Protein backbone atom coordinates (compact mmCIF):
# COMPACT_ATOMS: atom_id res chain seq x y z
CA MET A 1 20.19 -10.62 -37.78
CA VAL A 2 21.77 -8.85 -40.94
CA LYS A 3 23.81 -11.18 -43.17
CA ILE A 4 24.34 -9.04 -46.25
CA ASN A 5 25.65 -5.60 -47.06
CA SER A 6 26.58 -5.68 -50.75
CA GLN A 7 26.04 -3.59 -53.94
CA HIS A 8 24.34 -4.86 -56.97
CA ARG A 9 24.31 -3.50 -60.34
CA LEU A 10 20.93 -3.55 -61.48
CA LEU A 11 19.26 -1.48 -64.83
CA ASN A 12 22.52 0.57 -64.92
CA LYS A 13 22.19 1.64 -61.09
CA TYR A 14 23.85 0.25 -58.07
CA MET A 15 21.82 -1.11 -55.32
CA ASN A 16 22.40 -2.01 -51.79
CA ALA A 17 21.15 -5.34 -50.53
CA TYR A 18 20.65 -5.71 -46.71
CA GLU A 19 19.41 -9.12 -45.45
CA PHE A 20 17.25 -9.01 -42.01
CA GLN A 21 14.43 -11.04 -40.43
CA ALA A 22 11.31 -9.06 -39.76
CA ALA A 23 7.39 -9.58 -38.49
CA VAL A 24 5.00 -8.56 -40.57
CA ASN A 25 2.30 -6.43 -38.72
CA GLY A 26 -0.80 -5.59 -41.14
CA GLY A 27 1.04 -5.77 -44.21
CA VAL A 28 3.93 -3.58 -42.72
CA ILE A 29 7.40 -4.47 -42.62
CA GLN A 30 9.49 -2.09 -40.45
CA ILE A 31 13.11 -1.49 -41.90
CA PRO A 32 15.49 -1.67 -38.90
CA ALA A 33 16.62 1.64 -37.62
CA GLU A 34 20.32 0.99 -38.34
CA TYR A 35 19.19 1.05 -42.47
CA ARG A 36 16.59 3.65 -42.50
CA ASN A 37 19.20 6.32 -43.45
CA LYS A 38 20.69 4.34 -45.93
CA VAL A 39 17.36 3.69 -47.93
CA SER A 40 15.74 6.03 -50.41
CA ASP A 41 12.03 6.44 -50.80
CA ILE A 42 11.64 3.68 -53.40
CA VAL A 43 13.07 0.38 -52.68
CA LYS A 44 12.81 -2.80 -54.58
CA VAL A 45 11.59 -5.61 -52.17
CA ILE A 46 11.95 -9.44 -52.49
CA LEU A 47 10.07 -11.19 -50.03
CA LEU A 48 11.11 -14.75 -48.77
CA SER A 49 8.31 -16.49 -46.38
CA GLU A 50 8.94 -19.53 -44.62
CA GLU A 51 6.15 -22.03 -45.10
CA SER A 52 4.26 -22.60 -41.65
CA GLY A 53 4.76 -26.27 -40.12
CA GLU A 54 1.19 -26.77 -39.42
CA ARG A 55 0.20 -25.81 -43.14
CA HIS A 56 2.77 -27.91 -44.50
CA GLU A 57 2.01 -31.11 -42.26
CA SER A 58 -1.88 -30.84 -42.99
CA VAL A 59 -0.99 -31.03 -46.64
CA SER A 60 1.09 -34.02 -46.22
CA ALA A 61 -1.62 -35.55 -44.18
CA ALA A 62 -4.33 -35.09 -46.55
CA LYS A 63 -2.19 -36.28 -49.32
CA LYS A 64 -1.40 -39.62 -47.63
CA THR A 65 -5.14 -40.15 -46.39
CA SER A 66 -6.23 -39.50 -50.40
CA MET A 67 -3.27 -41.88 -51.21
CA MET A 68 -4.42 -44.58 -48.74
CA ASP A 69 -8.30 -44.11 -49.52
CA ASN A 70 -7.32 -44.40 -53.66
CA PRO A 71 -4.54 -46.77 -54.06
CA LEU A 72 -2.86 -46.97 -57.51
CA HIS A 73 -3.78 -50.48 -59.09
CA VAL A 74 -0.82 -51.64 -61.16
CA GLU A 75 -1.26 -54.78 -63.45
CA ASP A 76 1.14 -57.53 -62.68
CA PHE A 77 2.59 -55.74 -59.59
CA LYS A 78 4.66 -57.95 -57.36
CA ARG A 79 5.80 -57.28 -53.92
CA PHE A 80 9.22 -57.76 -52.84
CA SER A 81 10.68 -59.36 -49.87
CA ARG A 82 12.71 -57.42 -47.45
CA ASP A 83 15.80 -59.31 -48.74
CA GLU A 84 15.22 -58.68 -52.39
CA LEU A 85 14.92 -54.79 -51.84
CA HIS A 86 17.94 -54.82 -50.20
CA GLU A 87 20.02 -56.81 -53.07
CA ARG A 88 22.51 -55.27 -54.94
């Protein structure tokens, strides 16, 4: 899915920006055929990678478990009732 085809000035040179989604296979990203004749042998690459949901969930679960096992103890802590929490 192509979203951007624009020109940016960087270090006194103009650069074209193309955005697309690609799979990484063995550390290699294939440039889509429609761009191969538009890029030179040297390119500047910026990678944006989505965090996998499984890793995110497991980190969150580990944090929750750790917080439940080691709660903070605060002096003079007062629990609020539901009504007190929603008072304005």
